Amino acid sequence: MQIRTPATLAAILAALPLVTAAQTGFYVGGTLGHRESDIGDDVNAMQTAVETAYNVAYPEGGSPTLAGPLLMSTDVDDADMGFKVFAGWAPHEYTFFEVGYMDLGSNSITLQTDATYDVLPATSETFMTTESTDGFFISAGIKYPMTDRFEVLGHVGGYLYDSSFGASGLVAGVNVSTLGLDDGNSGTSLMFGVGLRYRFTDNLSLRGDWDYLDDINGNEVNLFSLGAEFHFGKN
C-alpha cells in the first residue's frame, strides 16, 4: 500500500476546525503552575532579628551569657503552586484587557539555633515563619498572530494583594506564638509577562503564561502556568 504523504497531510489539516487567531470578543480562562519567590532579604532579616534577640536576652558581660558563637541553620521553601482565573476582552485583533484573581501560594523559612551558655545547659531551638499571598489583578496587553492558530501575548498591569503571616517556635527561650507576630499586609505590585495561545477551535484555546511581579512584600515573584480559555462567540 502506497502512502501519499501530501494527500494524507492535507486530509488531516482539512479535518481540523477552521480558526482565526486574530479573534475578538470576550473570554474566560484559568492557568495553574509553578511559583518561585526571591526571599533572600527575608532570610537575612530573620537571622539578624534572631541574633539580636539572643544578644538582648543573654547580653555580653551579664549572666547568663552566650559562651560561644550562636550557630544558625536555615531551611527555605520559596516555591509553591500558584494559579489564576481571569476574564478578558479583546476589542481589536491586536489588543486585549484582563481582570482576574491570582493565588501565589506560600513561602516558609525555618531557622534552627544552637547556643551554649556560661551557666546554662546548651539549647537547640527552631523558629518558623510562613507567608501566604493572593489578590486581584488588572492588565492590558497586545497579541500577535504567528499562524492561524498560534498567538504571542504580552501584558502589563497591577496586582492588589493581601498577605498573611504566621510565626511559631522558640527564640532565646521565648515561644513566639505568644508574641502576637501573626499579622497581615496589603500592597500593590507591578505585573507584566508574556505568553502563548494555541487555538483548538474558535471557542477553546490552550494558554501558557509567565507572570512577573516586582514587589510582593519587597520580594520578586515569578509564576509559570498553563491552562485553558473559553471564547464566547466567533469572529
Protein backbone atom coordinates (compact mmCIF):
# COMPACT_ATOMS: atom_id res chain seq x y z
CA MET A 1 0.00 0.00 0.00
CA GLN A 2 1.45 3.32 -1.03
CA ILE A 3 1.06 6.21 1.44
CA ARG A 4 0.63 9.56 -0.26
CA THR A 5 2.11 11.87 2.36
CA PRO A 6 0.94 15.22 0.91
CA ALA A 7 -2.60 13.91 0.46
CA THR A 8 -2.65 12.43 3.97
CA LEU A 9 -1.38 15.68 5.48
CA ALA A 10 -3.96 17.67 3.55
CA ALA A 11 -6.72 15.39 4.84
CA ILE A 12 -5.58 15.84 8.45
CA LEU A 13 -5.44 19.60 8.11
CA ALA A 14 -8.83 19.69 6.46
CA ALA A 15 -10.29 17.73 9.37
CA LEU A 16 -9.21 20.36 11.89
CA PRO A 17 -11.78 23.10 12.56
CA LEU A 18 -11.06 26.37 10.86
CA VAL A 19 -9.94 29.02 13.35
CA THR A 20 -8.66 32.53 13.12
CA ALA A 21 -6.00 33.60 15.61
CA ALA A 22 -6.93 37.26 15.37
CA GLN A 23 -10.13 36.78 17.36
CA THR A 24 -12.02 39.50 19.20
CA GLY A 25 -14.67 39.45 21.91
CA PHE A 26 -15.00 38.16 25.45
CA TYR A 27 -13.38 35.10 27.04
CA VAL A 28 -12.70 33.46 30.40
CA GLY A 29 -9.83 31.23 31.45
CA GLY A 30 -7.55 29.86 34.10
CA THR A 31 -3.99 28.64 34.46
CA LEU A 32 -2.15 26.58 37.06
CA GLY A 33 1.58 26.24 37.57
CA HIS A 34 4.81 26.79 39.47
CA ARG A 35 5.58 29.90 41.55
CA GLU A 36 9.05 30.99 42.66
CA SER A 37 9.97 33.84 45.03
CA ASP A 38 13.24 35.60 45.80
CA ILE A 39 13.12 35.80 49.61
CA GLY A 40 16.82 36.15 50.34
CA ASP A 41 16.31 39.52 52.04
CA ASP A 42 13.68 37.95 54.33
CA VAL A 43 16.15 35.24 55.37
CA ASN A 44 18.83 37.82 56.18
CA ALA A 45 16.36 39.94 58.16
CA MET A 46 15.16 36.89 60.11
CA GLN A 47 18.71 35.84 61.00
CA THR A 48 19.55 39.37 62.17
CA ALA A 49 16.39 39.58 64.31
CA VAL A 50 17.06 36.21 65.96
CA GLU A 51 20.69 37.10 66.68
CA THR A 52 19.57 40.41 68.22
CA ALA A 53 17.01 38.60 70.40
CA TYR A 54 19.73 36.33 71.81
CA ASN A 55 22.09 39.25 72.45
CA VAL A 56 19.35 41.09 74.35
CA ALA A 57 18.30 38.01 76.37
CA TYR A 58 21.88 36.96 77.13
CA PRO A 59 23.97 40.17 76.99
CA GLU A 60 27.73 40.06 76.93
CA GLY A 61 29.09 40.67 80.42
CA GLY A 62 25.88 39.52 82.06
CA SER A 63 24.88 36.19 83.48
CA PRO A 64 23.72 34.04 81.89
CA THR A 65 25.50 34.95 78.67
CA LEU A 66 26.49 33.15 75.49
CA ALA A 67 29.66 31.13 75.92
CA GLY A 68 30.32 30.86 72.20
CA PRO A 69 29.02 31.91 68.79
CA LEU A 70 25.33 31.45 68.05
CA LEU A 71 25.04 28.77 65.35
CA MET A 72 22.18 29.10 62.87
CA SER A 73 20.99 26.86 60.03
CA THR A 74 18.20 27.85 57.66
CA ASP A 75 15.76 25.86 55.53
CA VAL A 76 13.96 27.94 52.90
CA ASP A 77 10.86 26.88 50.93
CA ASP A 78 10.45 29.62 48.32
CA ALA A 79 8.49 27.66 45.67
CA ASP A 80 4.87 26.56 45.59
CA MET A 81 1.92 26.02 43.29
CA GLY A 82 0.12 29.13 42.03
CA PHE A 83 -2.90 29.76 39.85
CA LYS A 84 -5.00 32.48 38.29
CA VAL A 85 -8.51 32.77 36.87
CA PHE A 86 -9.48 35.66 34.64
CA ALA A 87 -11.98 37.26 32.29
CA GLY A 88 -10.80 39.05 29.18
CA TRP A 89 -11.96 41.27 26.37
CA ALA A 90 -10.23 41.68 23.02
CA PRO A 91 -11.68 44.79 21.36
CA HIS A 92 -9.20 44.55 18.49
CA GLU A 93 -7.25 41.77 16.82
CA TYR A 94 -4.02 43.03 18.40
CA THR A 95 -5.13 44.18 21.89
CA PHE A 96 -6.79 42.70 24.98
CA PHE A 97 -7.67 43.55 28.59
CA GLU A 98 -7.97 41.17 31.53
CA VAL A 99 -9.12 41.19 35.17
CA GLY A 100 -8.71 38.26 37.49
CA TYR A 101 -7.75 36.59 40.74
CA MET A 102 -4.27 35.19 41.40
CA ASP A 103 -3.16 32.95 44.27
CA LEU A 104 0.62 32.82 44.78
CA GLY A 105 0.68 30.08 47.40
CA SER A 106 3.02 30.34 50.39
CA ASN A 107 6.67 30.64 51.45
CA SER A 108 8.26 29.39 54.64
CA ILE A 109 11.56 29.93 56.44
CA THR A 110 12.71 27.60 59.20
CA LEU A 111 15.69 28.63 61.32
CA GLN A 112 17.39 26.40 63.86
CA THR A 113 19.69 27.90 66.50
CA ASP A 114 22.24 26.10 68.66
CA ALA A 115 23.62 28.04 71.63
CA THR A 116 25.95 27.41 74.58
CA TYR A 117 25.93 29.46 77.79
CA ASP A 118 28.23 30.14 80.74
CA VAL A 119 25.90 28.75 83.42
CA LEU A 120 23.01 27.17 81.48
CA PRO A 121 22.73 23.91 79.51
CA ALA A 122 23.16 24.21 75.75
CA THR A 123 19.93 24.73 73.78
CA SER A 124 18.71 23.93 70.30
CA GLU A 125 15.64 25.92 69.17
CA THR A 126 13.59 26.14 65.97
CA PHE A 127 11.76 29.22 64.67
CA MET A 128 9.47 29.15 61.62
CA THR A 129 7.68 31.86 59.64
CA THR A 130 5.13 31.44 56.84
CA GLU A 131 3.70 33.87 54.29
CA SER A 132 0.68 33.32 52.00
CA THR A 133 -0.40 35.76 49.28
CA ASP A 134 -3.37 36.19 46.96
CA GLY A 135 -5.15 39.08 45.28
CA PHE A 136 -6.70 40.62 42.18
CA PHE A 137 -5.12 41.98 39.02
CA ILE A 138 -5.96 44.09 36.00
CA SER A 139 -3.83 44.22 32.87
CA ALA A 140 -3.69 45.39 29.27
CA GLY A 141 -1.87 43.56 26.54
CA ILE A 142 -1.00 43.10 22.92
CA LYS A 143 -1.21 39.90 20.88
CA TYR A 144 0.33 38.97 17.59
CA PRO A 145 -0.77 36.02 15.43
CA MET A 146 2.17 33.88 14.33
CA THR A 147 -0.05 31.44 12.40
CA ASP A 148 -3.78 30.82 12.09
CA ARG A 149 -3.62 29.03 15.44
CA PHE A 150 -0.70 30.49 17.41
CA GLU A 151 -0.58 33.90 19.10
CA VAL A 152 2.19 35.54 21.11
CA LEU A 153 0.91 37.59 24.07
CA GLY A 154 2.41 40.37 26.16
CA HIS A 155 0.77 42.20 29.05
CA VAL A 156 1.39 44.76 31.80
CA GLY A 157 -0.77 45.71 34.76
CA GLY A 158 -1.14 45.91 38.50
CA TYR A 159 -1.71 43.36 41.29
CA LEU A 160 -3.54 44.28 44.51
CA TYR A 161 -2.61 41.66 47.10
CA ASP A 162 -3.16 40.56 50.67
CA SER A 163 -0.55 38.56 52.57
CA SER A 164 -0.96 36.69 55.84
CA PHE A 165 2.00 35.88 58.09
CA GLY A 166 2.48 33.29 60.79
CA ALA A 167 5.26 32.52 63.28
CA SER A 168 5.89 29.60 65.61
CA GLY A 169 8.70 28.07 67.64
CA LEU A 170 11.29 29.33 70.12
CA VAL A 171 13.69 32.27 70.03
CA ALA A 172 16.01 32.86 73.01
CA GLY A 173 13.73 30.73 75.17
CA VAL A 174 10.56 32.61 74.24
CA ASN A 175 7.62 30.89 72.49
CA VAL A 176 7.00 33.29 69.60
CA SER A 177 3.39 32.10 69.21
CA THR A 178 2.65 34.10 72.40
CA LEU A 179 4.06 37.35 70.98
CA GLY A 180 1.26 38.10 68.50
CA LEU A 181 3.56 38.03 65.48
CA ASP A 182 0.82 36.61 63.21
CA ASP A 183 -0.16 39.52 61.03
CA GLY A 184 -1.22 40.57 57.56
CA ASN A 185 -0.15 43.04 54.94
CA SER A 186 -1.68 44.58 51.83
CA GLY A 187 0.03 46.21 48.90
CA THR A 188 0.28 46.66 45.15
CA SER A 189 2.82 45.39 42.68
CA LEU A 190 3.69 45.99 39.06
CA MET A 191 2.85 42.93 36.99
CA PHE A 192 3.97 42.03 33.50
CA GLY A 193 4.58 38.95 31.42
CA VAL A 194 4.43 37.08 28.14
CA GLY A 195 2.50 34.08 26.92
CA LEU A 196 1.48 31.80 24.08
CA ARG A 197 -2.03 30.88 22.95
CA TYR A 198 -2.94 27.92 20.74
CA ARG A 199 -6.48 27.78 19.37
CA PHE A 200 -8.02 24.32 19.05
CA THR A 201 -11.32 25.81 17.87
CA ASP A 202 -12.90 29.25 17.69
CA ASN A 203 -14.04 28.77 21.28
CA LEU A 204 -11.34 26.72 23.01
CA SER A 205 -7.67 27.67 23.45
CA LEU A 206 -4.62 26.39 25.29
CA ARG A 207 -2.62 29.11 27.05
CA GLY A 208 0.80 29.25 28.71
CA ASP A 209 1.98 32.31 30.67
CA TRP A 210 4.96 33.71 32.52
CA ASP A 211 3.96 36.41 35.03
CA TYR A 212 6.48 38.57 36.89
CA LEU A 213 5.58 40.62 39.97
CA ASP A 214 8.26 43.02 41.15
CA ASP A 215 7.23 43.78 44.75
CA ILE A 216 5.34 41.26 46.87
CA ASN A 217 6.29 42.35 50.40
CA GLY A 218 9.62 43.53 48.97
CA ASN A 219 10.27 40.29 47.04
CA GLU A 220 10.24 39.41 43.34
CA VAL A 221 7.86 36.62 42.27
CA ASN A 222 7.60 34.56 39.05
CA LEU A 223 4.61 32.41 38.09
CA PHE A 224 4.90 29.90 35.21
CA SER A 225 1.48 28.46 34.38
CA LEU A 226 -0.52 26.53 31.81
CA GLY A 227 -4.27 26.42 31.30
CA ALA A 228 -7.22 26.94 29.00
CA GLU A 229 -9.55 29.66 27.75
CA PHE A 230 -13.12 29.65 26.51
CA HIS A 231 -14.06 32.32 23.96
CA PHE A 232 -17.65 33.42 23.55
CA GLY A 233 -18.97 33.59 20.02
CA LYS A 234 -16.96 33.71 16.82
CA ASN A 235 -15.48 36.36 14.57
